[in-house]
Protein backbone atom coordinates (compact mmCIF):
# COMPACT_ATOMS: atom_id res chain seq x y z
CA MET A 1 -5.50 -2.58 19.17
CA THR A 2 -6.50 -3.50 15.62
CA HIS A 3 -8.95 -1.08 13.98
CA ILE A 4 -12.09 -2.82 12.77
CA ALA A 5 -13.85 -1.14 9.85
CA ASP A 6 -17.25 0.37 10.55
CA SER A 7 -18.73 -1.49 7.58
CA LEU A 8 -17.63 -5.10 7.92
CA PHE A 9 -18.55 -6.22 4.42
CA ASP A 10 -17.57 -3.12 2.44
CA LEU A 11 -15.28 -3.74 -0.54
CA SER A 12 -15.26 -0.16 -1.82
CA GLY A 13 -11.98 0.84 -3.43
CA LEU A 14 -10.81 -2.75 -3.90
CA ASN A 15 -10.17 -4.52 -7.19
CA ALA A 16 -10.82 -8.24 -7.67
CA LEU A 17 -9.97 -10.86 -10.26
CA VAL A 18 -12.25 -13.91 -10.35
CA THR A 19 -11.45 -16.83 -12.65
CA GLY A 20 -14.22 -18.96 -14.09
CA SER A 21 -16.60 -16.07 -13.51
CA SER A 22 -18.76 -16.06 -16.63
CA ARG A 23 -21.23 -18.45 -14.98
CA GLY A 24 -22.04 -20.48 -11.88
CA ILE A 25 -20.23 -19.88 -8.60
CA GLY A 26 -17.67 -17.51 -10.12
CA ARG A 27 -20.36 -15.32 -11.64
CA ALA A 28 -22.19 -15.12 -8.30
CA ILE A 29 -18.97 -14.12 -6.54
CA ALA A 30 -18.20 -11.41 -9.10
CA ASP A 31 -21.75 -10.05 -8.92
CA ARG A 32 -21.71 -9.86 -5.12
CA PHE A 33 -18.27 -8.24 -5.13
CA VAL A 34 -19.66 -5.46 -7.33
CA GLN A 35 -22.72 -5.16 -5.09
CA HIS A 36 -20.39 -4.59 -2.13
CA GLY A 37 -18.36 -1.91 -3.90
CA ALA A 38 -15.47 -3.67 -5.66
CA ARG A 39 -14.43 -3.53 -9.29
CA VAL A 40 -14.05 -6.97 -10.83
CA ILE A 41 -12.32 -8.72 -13.71
CA ILE A 42 -14.63 -11.30 -15.29
CA SER A 43 -12.56 -14.12 -16.75
CA SER A 44 -13.22 -17.46 -18.41
CA ARG A 45 -12.08 -19.13 -21.61
CA LYS A 46 -14.69 -17.59 -23.93
CA GLU A 47 -14.45 -13.89 -24.67
CA ASP A 48 -18.11 -13.51 -25.61
CA ALA A 49 -19.27 -15.17 -22.38
CA CYS A 50 -17.05 -12.86 -20.31
CA ALA A 51 -18.36 -9.80 -22.12
CA ALA A 52 -21.99 -10.85 -21.70
CA THR A 53 -21.57 -11.52 -17.98
CA ALA A 54 -19.76 -8.24 -17.37
CA ALA A 55 -22.49 -6.33 -19.21
CA GLU A 56 -25.24 -8.09 -17.24
CA ILE A 57 -23.57 -7.40 -13.88
CA ASN A 58 -22.98 -3.75 -14.77
CA ALA A 59 -26.60 -3.35 -15.84
CA ARG A 60 -27.93 -5.11 -12.76
CA ARG A 61 -25.81 -3.11 -10.31
CA ARG A 62 -26.04 0.15 -12.31
CA VAL A 63 -22.29 0.72 -12.30
CA GLU A 64 -19.45 0.15 -14.73
CA ALA A 65 -17.44 -2.07 -12.40
CA ALA A 66 -17.07 -5.40 -14.24
CA ILE A 67 -14.44 -5.76 -16.97
CA PRO A 68 -14.17 -8.85 -19.22
CA ILE A 69 -10.79 -10.47 -19.98
CA ALA A 70 -10.74 -14.01 -21.39
CA ALA A 71 -8.08 -16.55 -20.37
CA ASN A 72 -7.50 -20.28 -20.27
CA VAL A 73 -6.24 -21.10 -16.76
CA SER A 74 -4.43 -24.19 -18.09
CA ARG A 75 -1.93 -21.94 -19.90
CA ARG A 76 0.63 -19.94 -17.98
CA GLU A 77 0.99 -17.42 -20.80
CA ASP A 78 -2.76 -16.77 -20.74
CA LEU A 79 -2.63 -16.05 -17.01
CA GLU A 80 0.35 -13.74 -17.38
CA HIS A 81 -1.61 -11.83 -20.03
CA LEU A 82 -4.75 -11.87 -17.86
CA TYR A 83 -2.95 -10.42 -14.86
CA ALA A 84 -1.11 -7.78 -16.90
CA LYS A 85 -4.34 -6.63 -18.59
CA SER A 86 -6.14 -6.64 -15.23
CA VAL A 87 -3.54 -4.33 -13.70
CA GLU A 88 -3.64 -2.18 -16.82
CA GLY A 89 -7.42 -1.87 -16.54
CA LEU A 90 -7.78 -1.45 -12.77
CA GLY A 91 -4.40 -0.22 -11.55
CA GLN A 92 -3.85 -3.03 -9.06
CA ILE A 93 -5.43 -6.31 -7.93
CA ASP A 94 -6.28 -6.60 -4.24
CA ILE A 95 -8.40 -9.76 -4.29
CA VAL A 96 -7.82 -12.95 -6.29
CA VAL A 97 -10.44 -15.69 -6.37
CA CYS A 98 -9.24 -18.92 -7.99
CA ASN A 99 -12.55 -20.45 -9.00
CA ALA A 100 -12.01 -21.90 -12.48
CA ALA A 101 -11.84 -25.70 -12.55
CA ILE A 102 -12.63 -28.65 -14.77
CA HIS A 103 -14.05 -32.08 -14.01
CA PRO A 104 -13.83 -33.91 -17.36
CA TYR A 105 -13.39 -37.47 -16.16
CA VAL A 106 -15.55 -39.43 -13.73
CA GLY A 107 -14.05 -42.77 -12.85
CA PRO A 108 -11.43 -44.72 -10.87
CA ALA A 109 -7.65 -44.40 -10.85
CA MET A 110 -7.01 -47.30 -13.23
CA GLY A 111 -9.08 -45.66 -15.93
CA THR A 112 -7.43 -42.25 -15.68
CA SER A 113 -4.98 -41.60 -18.52
CA ASP A 114 -1.83 -39.51 -18.10
CA GLU A 115 -3.32 -36.96 -20.48
CA ALA A 116 -6.52 -36.65 -18.44
CA MET A 117 -4.58 -36.37 -15.19
CA ARG A 118 -2.30 -33.63 -16.53
CA LYS A 119 -5.26 -31.74 -17.94
CA VAL A 120 -7.05 -31.65 -14.58
CA ILE A 121 -3.89 -30.78 -12.63
CA ASP A 122 -2.98 -27.94 -15.00
CA ALA A 123 -6.46 -26.38 -14.81
CA ASN A 124 -7.26 -26.99 -11.14
CA VAL A 125 -3.86 -26.64 -9.46
CA MET A 126 -1.16 -25.19 -11.69
CA GLY A 127 -3.45 -22.44 -12.97
CA ASN A 128 -4.04 -21.28 -9.40
CA HIS A 129 -0.32 -21.46 -8.65
CA TRP A 130 0.57 -19.43 -11.75
CA LEU A 131 -2.03 -16.72 -11.13
CA ILE A 132 -1.18 -16.34 -7.45
CA GLN A 133 2.51 -16.02 -8.37
CA GLN A 134 1.55 -13.06 -10.56
CA ALA A 135 -0.49 -11.40 -7.80
CA LEU A 136 1.78 -11.87 -4.78
CA PRO A 137 4.52 -9.28 -5.50
CA GLY A 138 2.04 -6.39 -5.64
CA MET A 139 0.18 -7.61 -2.56
CA ILE A 140 3.44 -7.93 -0.61
CA GLU A 141 4.56 -4.45 -1.69
CA ARG A 142 1.25 -2.89 -0.57
CA GLY A 143 0.99 -4.99 2.60
CA PHE A 144 -2.51 -6.13 1.72
CA GLY A 145 -4.12 -8.93 -0.26
CA ARG A 146 -6.94 -11.42 -0.15
CA ILE A 147 -6.74 -14.76 -1.95
CA VAL A 148 -9.59 -17.27 -1.94
CA LEU A 149 -9.33 -20.69 -3.55
CA ILE A 150 -12.55 -22.49 -4.43
CA ALA A 151 -11.98 -26.19 -3.76
CA SER A 152 -14.64 -28.83 -3.04
CA ILE A 153 -15.59 -31.16 -0.22
CA ALA A 154 -14.39 -33.85 -2.67
CA GLY A 155 -10.91 -32.89 -1.46
CA HIS A 156 -11.72 -34.35 1.97
CA PHE A 157 -12.81 -37.82 0.83
CA GLY A 158 -11.60 -40.88 -1.02
CA SER A 159 -13.77 -41.77 -4.00
CA ASP A 160 -13.88 -44.39 -6.74
CA LYS A 161 -15.49 -41.87 -9.10
CA PHE A 162 -13.73 -38.53 -8.56
CA TYR A 163 -10.09 -39.67 -8.47
CA SER A 164 -8.36 -36.89 -10.42
CA TYR A 165 -10.74 -34.11 -9.38
CA SER A 166 -10.56 -34.93 -5.66
CA ILE A 167 -6.75 -34.99 -5.76
CA THR A 168 -6.63 -31.49 -7.24
CA LYS A 169 -9.11 -30.12 -4.71
CA ALA A 170 -7.08 -31.52 -1.81
CA ALA A 171 -4.03 -29.86 -3.36
CA ASP A 172 -5.85 -26.52 -3.49
CA MET A 173 -6.64 -26.78 0.22
CA GLN A 174 -2.98 -27.35 1.03
CA MET A 175 -1.91 -24.57 -1.33
CA GLY A 176 -4.09 -22.20 0.67
CA ARG A 177 -2.60 -23.31 3.98
CA ALA A 178 0.98 -23.03 2.72
CA LEU A 179 0.42 -19.56 1.27
CA ALA A 180 -1.33 -18.40 4.44
CA ALA A 181 1.58 -19.56 6.60
CA GLU A 182 4.06 -17.81 4.32
CA HIS A 183 2.28 -14.51 3.75
CA GLY A 184 0.05 -13.79 6.74
CA ARG A 185 2.80 -11.52 8.11
CA ASN A 186 2.65 -9.56 4.84
CA GLY A 187 -0.97 -8.51 5.34
CA ILE A 188 -2.21 -11.21 2.98
CA ARG A 189 -5.00 -13.59 3.93
CA VAL A 190 -5.39 -16.86 2.04
CA ASN A 191 -8.37 -19.12 2.61
CA THR A 192 -10.17 -21.92 0.83
CA VAL A 193 -13.89 -22.47 0.40
CA ALA A 194 -15.00 -26.07 -0.13
CA PRO A 195 -18.51 -26.21 -1.59
CA GLY A 196 -20.72 -29.24 -1.43
CA THR A 197 -23.09 -29.92 -4.30
CA ILE A 198 -24.16 -26.56 -5.72
CA LEU A 199 -26.75 -26.01 -8.43
CA THR A 200 -24.45 -25.16 -11.36
CA ASP A 201 -23.91 -26.41 -14.90
CA MET A 202 -20.90 -28.45 -13.71
CA ALA A 203 -23.07 -30.34 -11.21
CA ARG A 204 -26.01 -30.93 -13.53
CA GLY A 205 -24.98 -34.47 -14.51
CA MET A 206 -24.84 -35.45 -10.84
CA THR A 207 -28.03 -33.71 -9.78
CA GLU A 208 -29.97 -35.48 -12.52
CA ASN A 209 -28.75 -38.87 -11.25
CA LYS A 210 -31.22 -40.41 -8.77
CA GLU A 211 -28.62 -42.66 -7.14
CA PHE A 212 -26.34 -39.68 -6.52
CA MET A 213 -29.14 -37.52 -5.16
CA ASP A 214 -30.39 -40.26 -2.83
CA ALA A 215 -26.87 -40.62 -1.41
CA GLU A 216 -26.51 -36.84 -1.14
CA MET A 217 -29.73 -36.43 0.82
CA ARG A 218 -28.82 -39.20 3.26
CA ARG A 219 -25.99 -36.97 4.56
CA ASN A 220 -27.13 -33.46 3.66
CA THR A 221 -28.50 -32.09 6.93
CA VAL A 222 -30.51 -29.24 5.36
CA GLN A 223 -32.06 -31.54 2.73
CA ARG A 224 -31.41 -29.39 -0.32
CA LEU A 225 -28.59 -28.43 -2.66
CA GLY A 226 -26.71 -25.17 -2.41
CA ASP A 227 -27.08 -22.01 -4.45
CA PRO A 228 -24.08 -20.18 -5.98
CA ASP A 229 -24.93 -17.08 -3.94
CA GLU A 230 -24.42 -19.11 -0.77
CA ILE A 231 -20.80 -19.61 -1.79
CA ALA A 232 -20.49 -15.98 -2.85
CA GLY A 233 -21.58 -14.78 0.58
CA VAL A 234 -18.73 -16.62 2.27
CA VAL A 235 -16.20 -15.33 -0.27
CA VAL A 236 -17.38 -11.74 0.22
CA MET A 237 -16.89 -12.18 3.96
CA LEU A 238 -13.35 -13.54 3.50
CA ALA A 239 -12.42 -10.68 1.16
CA SER A 240 -13.91 -7.98 3.41
CA PRO A 241 -12.89 -6.52 6.80
CA ALA A 242 -15.14 -9.16 8.40
CA GLY A 243 -12.63 -11.85 7.41
CA ALA A 244 -9.43 -10.07 8.37
CA TYR A 245 -8.58 -12.46 11.22
CA ILE A 246 -9.29 -15.63 9.23
CA ASN A 247 -6.24 -17.15 7.56
CA GLY A 248 -5.30 -20.57 6.22
CA GLN A 249 -8.73 -22.07 6.77
CA VAL A 250 -10.87 -24.44 4.71
CA ILE A 251 -14.52 -23.46 5.09
CA ASN A 252 -16.99 -26.15 4.10
CA VAL A 253 -20.23 -24.80 2.61
CA ASP A 254 -22.09 -28.04 2.14
CA GLY A 255 -25.37 -28.15 4.02
CA GLY A 256 -23.67 -30.08 6.80
CA TYR A 257 -22.66 -32.98 4.54
CA THR A 258 -19.18 -33.36 6.00
CA ILE A 259 -20.38 -33.63 9.61
CA SER A 260 -23.07 -36.24 8.99
CA PHE A 261 -22.73 -40.02 9.06
């Protein structure tokens, strides 16, 4: 019989790497990881933003558990450096959260240039692939790992506005399934969280648009937007003993948007 930990959400003794964690959803995830006992690498493109976030989390939680390391997820060499420095700083990485993403172009397929498409794919898909490739050997060797990809409910739908972004988020969902099927037997759990509209800087342009908000509220069953901590709570669960029997799933955290007509 499988032993279930006494403390279902305890992350003590585990080390996590969270991309895009200087603000928004990634920051909330990193902060809650530290609250639950993990040490965390704070990573985004800007070194000063990473350092400020790490300092704020450490001060808030009264521990020295957050370490800043800047990286651009669109560059493989940056991610190789990020992972090497993370292992150097923490000894090993047990949890990887692929949260960093960009959404630079809003519009239909015909208006999407090759350059824009490659930029979004590199940041939102290839960056996750490259980082996970770095993390897998150690996880396989130790027989333990937790990988969480942050996608979006945009990956479930067709859209005339989110063409490139929605394609990459659907790809992330399938990446999670494929990795889960391959590595579940190695003690590794891979899952995807698909947020709805969350109150972050990335979503600000949409949340300030009345037409968008009217459409959102017609399908949002709880009649409000989400908070980054509401994504973080699900990610903590997936990374903790509470999520040990969950593998290859896409968990929508969207106020019921995807189940409403």
